[in-house]
Amino acid sequence: MDVIRKVCFVFMFVALVSFVSGLASAEDNAKVNINTATIEELASLQGIGEKKAKSIVEHREKAGSFATIEDLMDVKGVGDKIFNKIKDQLAVE
C-alpha cells in the first residue's frame, strides 16, 4: 500500500507541475490585440505608457483597424525601437 501512495504522490506532483507550466506558457504566449485592446492593456506593453496608449486608441478610432502589427508604427511616438521591443506581444486578429 505504501508503494501505491508513493506512486500516486509522484503522479499527482508531475501532473501539478505540468499544469502550472502550461499556465505559464499560455501567459507568455498571450498577445495584445491592437485592434481591440484597451488603453490599460496597451499601456502594459514595454515602452507604451498611458499617453502612447491613448494615441494608439485615437488613431484606431480615426483611421480604422490596423491591418498588420507593423501599422502600429503609423502612430506618432511608436517607432522602430519601441515596435521591435513589443512586436512579439502584438496581434491584429
N, C-alpha and C. Protein backbone atom coordinates (compact mmCIF):
# COMPACT_ATOMS: atom_id res chain seq x y z
N MET A 1 0.82 -1.19 0.00
CA MET A 1 0.00 0.00 0.00
C MET A 1 0.86 1.26 0.00
N ASP A 2 1.98 1.22 0.71
CA ASP A 2 2.87 2.37 0.79
C ASP A 2 3.45 2.71 -0.58
N VAL A 3 3.75 1.72 -1.39
CA VAL A 3 4.27 1.93 -2.74
C VAL A 3 3.22 2.62 -3.61
N ILE A 4 1.97 2.20 -3.47
CA ILE A 4 0.89 2.80 -4.24
C ILE A 4 0.74 4.27 -3.88
N ARG A 5 0.84 4.61 -2.62
CA ARG A 5 0.76 6.00 -2.19
C ARG A 5 1.89 6.82 -2.78
N LYS A 6 3.08 6.28 -2.78
CA LYS A 6 4.24 6.99 -3.33
C LYS A 6 4.06 7.22 -4.83
N VAL A 7 3.59 6.21 -5.53
CA VAL A 7 3.36 6.34 -6.97
C VAL A 7 2.28 7.37 -7.24
N CYS A 8 1.22 7.35 -6.46
CA CYS A 8 0.14 8.35 -6.61
C CYS A 8 0.66 9.75 -6.33
N PHE A 9 1.48 9.88 -5.30
CA PHE A 9 2.04 11.19 -4.97
C PHE A 9 2.91 11.70 -6.12
N VAL A 10 3.77 10.85 -6.64
CA VAL A 10 4.64 11.25 -7.75
C VAL A 10 3.79 11.63 -8.96
N PHE A 11 2.79 10.85 -9.26
CA PHE A 11 1.91 11.14 -10.40
C PHE A 11 1.22 12.49 -10.22
N MET A 12 0.67 12.73 -9.03
CA MET A 12 -0.02 14.00 -8.78
C MET A 12 0.96 15.17 -8.84
N PHE A 13 2.16 14.99 -8.35
CA PHE A 13 3.17 16.04 -8.40
C PHE A 13 3.53 16.39 -9.84
N VAL A 14 3.75 15.37 -10.65
CA VAL A 14 4.08 15.59 -12.07
C VAL A 14 2.92 16.27 -12.79
N ALA A 15 1.71 15.85 -12.51
CA ALA A 15 0.53 16.46 -13.14
C ALA A 15 0.42 17.93 -12.73
N LEU A 16 0.66 18.23 -11.48
CA LEU A 16 0.58 19.61 -11.00
C LEU A 16 1.66 20.48 -11.65
N VAL A 17 2.86 19.98 -11.73
CA VAL A 17 3.95 20.72 -12.37
C VAL A 17 3.63 20.96 -13.84
N SER A 18 3.11 19.97 -14.52
CA SER A 18 2.74 20.13 -15.93
C SER A 18 1.66 21.17 -16.10
N PHE A 19 0.67 21.14 -15.23
CA PHE A 19 -0.44 22.10 -15.30
C PHE A 19 0.07 23.53 -15.08
N VAL A 20 0.88 23.72 -14.07
CA VAL A 20 1.40 25.06 -13.76
C VAL A 20 2.30 25.57 -14.88
N SER A 21 3.13 24.73 -15.44
CA SER A 21 3.99 25.18 -16.54
C SER A 21 3.17 25.49 -17.78
N GLY A 22 2.08 24.78 -17.97
CA GLY A 22 1.17 25.08 -19.09
C GLY A 22 0.53 26.43 -18.93
N LEU A 23 0.15 26.78 -17.72
CA LEU A 23 -0.42 28.11 -17.47
C LEU A 23 0.60 29.20 -17.73
N ALA A 24 1.83 28.98 -17.31
CA ALA A 24 2.88 29.97 -17.52
C ALA A 24 3.15 30.15 -19.00
N SER A 25 3.13 29.07 -19.76
CA SER A 25 3.35 29.16 -21.21
C SER A 25 2.22 29.92 -21.87
N ALA A 26 1.00 29.70 -21.44
CA ALA A 26 -0.15 30.40 -22.02
C ALA A 26 -0.04 31.89 -21.75
N GLU A 27 0.41 32.27 -20.55
CA GLU A 27 0.58 33.69 -20.25
C GLU A 27 1.69 34.29 -21.08
N ASP A 28 2.78 33.56 -21.27
CA ASP A 28 3.89 34.06 -22.07
C ASP A 28 3.47 34.25 -23.52
N ASN A 29 2.58 33.41 -24.01
CA ASN A 29 2.16 33.47 -25.40
C ASN A 29 0.98 34.41 -25.63
N ALA A 30 0.42 34.94 -24.56
CA ALA A 30 -0.71 35.85 -24.70
C ALA A 30 -0.27 37.10 -25.45
N LYS A 31 -1.08 37.51 -26.41
CA LYS A 31 -0.76 38.68 -27.21
C LYS A 31 -1.82 39.74 -27.03
N VAL A 32 -1.42 40.97 -27.22
CA VAL A 32 -2.33 42.10 -27.14
C VAL A 32 -2.83 42.41 -28.54
N ASN A 33 -4.14 42.32 -28.70
CA ASN A 33 -4.75 42.64 -30.00
C ASN A 33 -4.86 44.16 -30.09
N ILE A 34 -4.07 44.77 -30.96
CA ILE A 34 -4.04 46.22 -31.04
C ILE A 34 -5.31 46.80 -31.63
N ASN A 35 -6.17 45.97 -32.18
CA ASN A 35 -7.45 46.45 -32.71
C ASN A 35 -8.55 46.46 -31.67
N THR A 36 -8.36 45.77 -30.56
CA THR A 36 -9.41 45.69 -29.55
C THR A 36 -8.92 46.04 -28.14
N ALA A 37 -7.63 46.21 -27.97
CA ALA A 37 -7.05 46.43 -26.64
C ALA A 37 -7.50 47.76 -26.04
N THR A 38 -7.65 47.74 -24.74
CA THR A 38 -7.97 48.96 -24.00
C THR A 38 -6.69 49.77 -23.78
N ILE A 39 -6.86 50.98 -23.31
CA ILE A 39 -5.70 51.82 -23.00
C ILE A 39 -4.83 51.12 -21.96
N GLU A 40 -5.45 50.51 -20.97
CA GLU A 40 -4.71 49.83 -19.91
C GLU A 40 -3.91 48.65 -20.47
N GLU A 41 -4.52 47.89 -21.36
CA GLU A 41 -3.81 46.74 -21.95
C GLU A 41 -2.63 47.22 -22.80
N LEU A 42 -2.84 48.26 -23.58
CA LEU A 42 -1.76 48.78 -24.40
C LEU A 42 -0.65 49.38 -23.54
N ALA A 43 -1.02 50.07 -22.47
CA ALA A 43 -0.03 50.70 -21.60
C ALA A 43 0.82 49.67 -20.86
N SER A 44 0.36 48.42 -20.80
CA SER A 44 1.13 47.38 -20.12
C SER A 44 2.32 46.91 -20.97
N LEU A 45 2.34 47.28 -22.24
CA LEU A 45 3.45 46.90 -23.12
C LEU A 45 4.68 47.76 -22.83
N GLN A 46 5.85 47.15 -22.92
CA GLN A 46 7.09 47.86 -22.64
C GLN A 46 7.28 49.03 -23.61
N GLY A 47 7.47 50.22 -23.07
CA GLY A 47 7.69 51.39 -23.91
C GLY A 47 6.43 52.13 -24.30
N ILE A 48 5.27 51.55 -23.98
CA ILE A 48 3.98 52.19 -24.28
C ILE A 48 3.36 52.60 -22.95
N GLY A 49 3.40 53.87 -22.68
CA GLY A 49 2.75 54.37 -21.47
C GLY A 49 1.32 54.75 -21.77
N GLU A 50 0.70 55.41 -20.82
CA GLU A 50 -0.70 55.78 -20.98
C GLU A 50 -0.89 56.76 -22.14
N LYS A 51 0.03 57.70 -22.30
CA LYS A 51 -0.10 58.71 -23.36
C LYS A 51 -0.05 58.06 -24.75
N LYS A 52 0.92 57.18 -24.97
CA LYS A 52 1.01 56.49 -26.27
C LYS A 52 -0.16 55.54 -26.47
N ALA A 53 -0.60 54.92 -25.40
CA ALA A 53 -1.75 54.02 -25.50
C ALA A 53 -2.99 54.80 -25.94
N LYS A 54 -3.17 55.98 -25.39
CA LYS A 54 -4.30 56.82 -25.81
C LYS A 54 -4.16 57.20 -27.28
N SER A 55 -2.93 57.51 -27.70
CA SER A 55 -2.69 57.85 -29.11
C SER A 55 -3.03 56.68 -30.03
N ILE A 56 -2.70 55.48 -29.59
CA ILE A 56 -2.99 54.28 -30.38
C ILE A 56 -4.51 54.11 -30.54
N VAL A 57 -5.23 54.26 -29.44
CA VAL A 57 -6.69 54.10 -29.49
C VAL A 57 -7.30 55.20 -30.35
N GLU A 58 -6.83 56.44 -30.21
CA GLU A 58 -7.35 57.54 -31.02
C GLU A 58 -7.08 57.31 -32.51
N HIS A 59 -5.88 56.82 -32.82
CA HIS A 59 -5.53 56.52 -34.21
C HIS A 59 -6.44 55.44 -34.76
N ARG A 60 -6.66 54.42 -33.97
CA ARG A 60 -7.52 53.30 -34.37
C ARG A 60 -8.95 53.77 -34.61
N GLU A 61 -9.44 54.65 -33.76
CA GLU A 61 -10.81 55.16 -33.91
C GLU A 61 -10.93 56.06 -35.14
N LYS A 62 -9.87 56.79 -35.43
CA LYS A 62 -9.90 57.73 -36.56
C LYS A 62 -9.65 57.03 -37.90
N ALA A 63 -8.63 56.19 -37.95
CA ALA A 63 -8.19 55.58 -39.20
C ALA A 63 -8.76 54.18 -39.43
N GLY A 64 -9.34 53.60 -38.41
CA GLY A 64 -9.85 52.23 -38.55
C GLY A 64 -8.86 51.21 -38.02
N SER A 65 -9.24 49.97 -38.13
CA SER A 65 -8.42 48.87 -37.61
C SER A 65 -7.05 48.81 -38.28
N PHE A 66 -6.10 48.29 -37.52
CA PHE A 66 -4.76 48.04 -38.05
C PHE A 66 -4.81 46.77 -38.89
N ALA A 67 -4.28 46.82 -40.09
CA ALA A 67 -4.26 45.63 -40.95
C ALA A 67 -3.14 44.68 -40.54
N THR A 68 -2.01 45.24 -40.11
CA THR A 68 -0.87 44.45 -39.67
C THR A 68 -0.32 45.07 -38.39
N ILE A 69 0.47 44.32 -37.66
CA ILE A 69 1.06 44.88 -36.45
C ILE A 69 2.03 46.01 -36.80
N GLU A 70 2.64 45.94 -37.97
CA GLU A 70 3.57 46.99 -38.40
C GLU A 70 2.89 48.34 -38.58
N ASP A 71 1.58 48.32 -38.83
CA ASP A 71 0.83 49.57 -38.96
C ASP A 71 0.84 50.38 -37.68
N LEU A 72 1.16 49.75 -36.57
CA LEU A 72 1.25 50.46 -35.30
C LEU A 72 2.29 51.57 -35.37
N MET A 73 3.29 51.40 -36.23
CA MET A 73 4.33 52.43 -36.37
C MET A 73 3.81 53.70 -37.05
N ASP A 74 2.59 53.68 -37.56
CA ASP A 74 1.97 54.88 -38.12
C ASP A 74 1.52 55.83 -37.01
N VAL A 75 1.46 55.33 -35.79
CA VAL A 75 1.05 56.14 -34.64
C VAL A 75 2.25 56.96 -34.19
N LYS A 76 2.03 58.27 -34.04
CA LYS A 76 3.11 59.15 -33.60
C LYS A 76 3.66 58.68 -32.26
N GLY A 77 4.97 58.56 -32.19
CA GLY A 77 5.62 58.13 -30.96
C GLY A 77 5.95 56.66 -30.90
N VAL A 78 5.46 55.90 -31.87
CA VAL A 78 5.78 54.47 -31.91
C VAL A 78 6.68 54.25 -33.12
N GLY A 79 7.95 54.18 -32.85
CA GLY A 79 8.92 53.98 -33.93
C GLY A 79 9.49 52.57 -33.92
N ASP A 80 10.55 52.41 -34.71
CA ASP A 80 11.19 51.10 -34.85
C ASP A 80 11.64 50.53 -33.50
N LYS A 81 12.24 51.37 -32.68
CA LYS A 81 12.81 50.90 -31.41
C LYS A 81 11.74 50.30 -30.51
N ILE A 82 10.66 51.04 -30.31
CA ILE A 82 9.57 50.53 -29.46
C ILE A 82 8.90 49.34 -30.12
N PHE A 83 8.62 49.45 -31.42
CA PHE A 83 7.95 48.36 -32.12
C PHE A 83 8.74 47.06 -32.00
N ASN A 84 10.05 47.12 -32.19
CA ASN A 84 10.87 45.90 -32.12
C ASN A 84 10.87 45.28 -30.73
N LYS A 85 10.68 46.10 -29.68
CA LYS A 85 10.61 45.56 -28.32
C LYS A 85 9.31 44.78 -28.08
N ILE A 86 8.23 45.21 -28.73
CA ILE A 86 6.91 44.65 -28.40
C ILE A 86 6.27 43.82 -29.49
N LYS A 87 6.88 43.74 -30.66
CA LYS A 87 6.22 43.10 -31.80
C LYS A 87 5.81 41.65 -31.54
N ASP A 88 6.55 40.93 -30.72
CA ASP A 88 6.20 39.54 -30.43
C ASP A 88 5.00 39.43 -29.50
N GLN A 89 4.58 40.54 -28.92
CA GLN A 89 3.44 40.55 -28.00
C GLN A 89 2.17 41.08 -28.65
N LEU A 90 2.24 41.39 -29.95
CA LEU A 90 1.13 42.04 -30.65
C LEU A 90 0.38 41.09 -31.58
N ALA A 91 -0.89 41.40 -31.77
CA ALA A 91 -1.74 40.67 -32.71
C ALA A 91 -2.74 41.66 -33.28
N VAL A 92 -3.30 41.32 -34.46
CA VAL A 92 -4.34 42.15 -35.07
C VAL A 92 -5.60 41.33 -35.35
N GLU A 93 -5.68 40.13 -34.87
CA GLU A 93 -6.82 39.24 -35.14
C GLU A 93 -8.08 39.68 -34.46
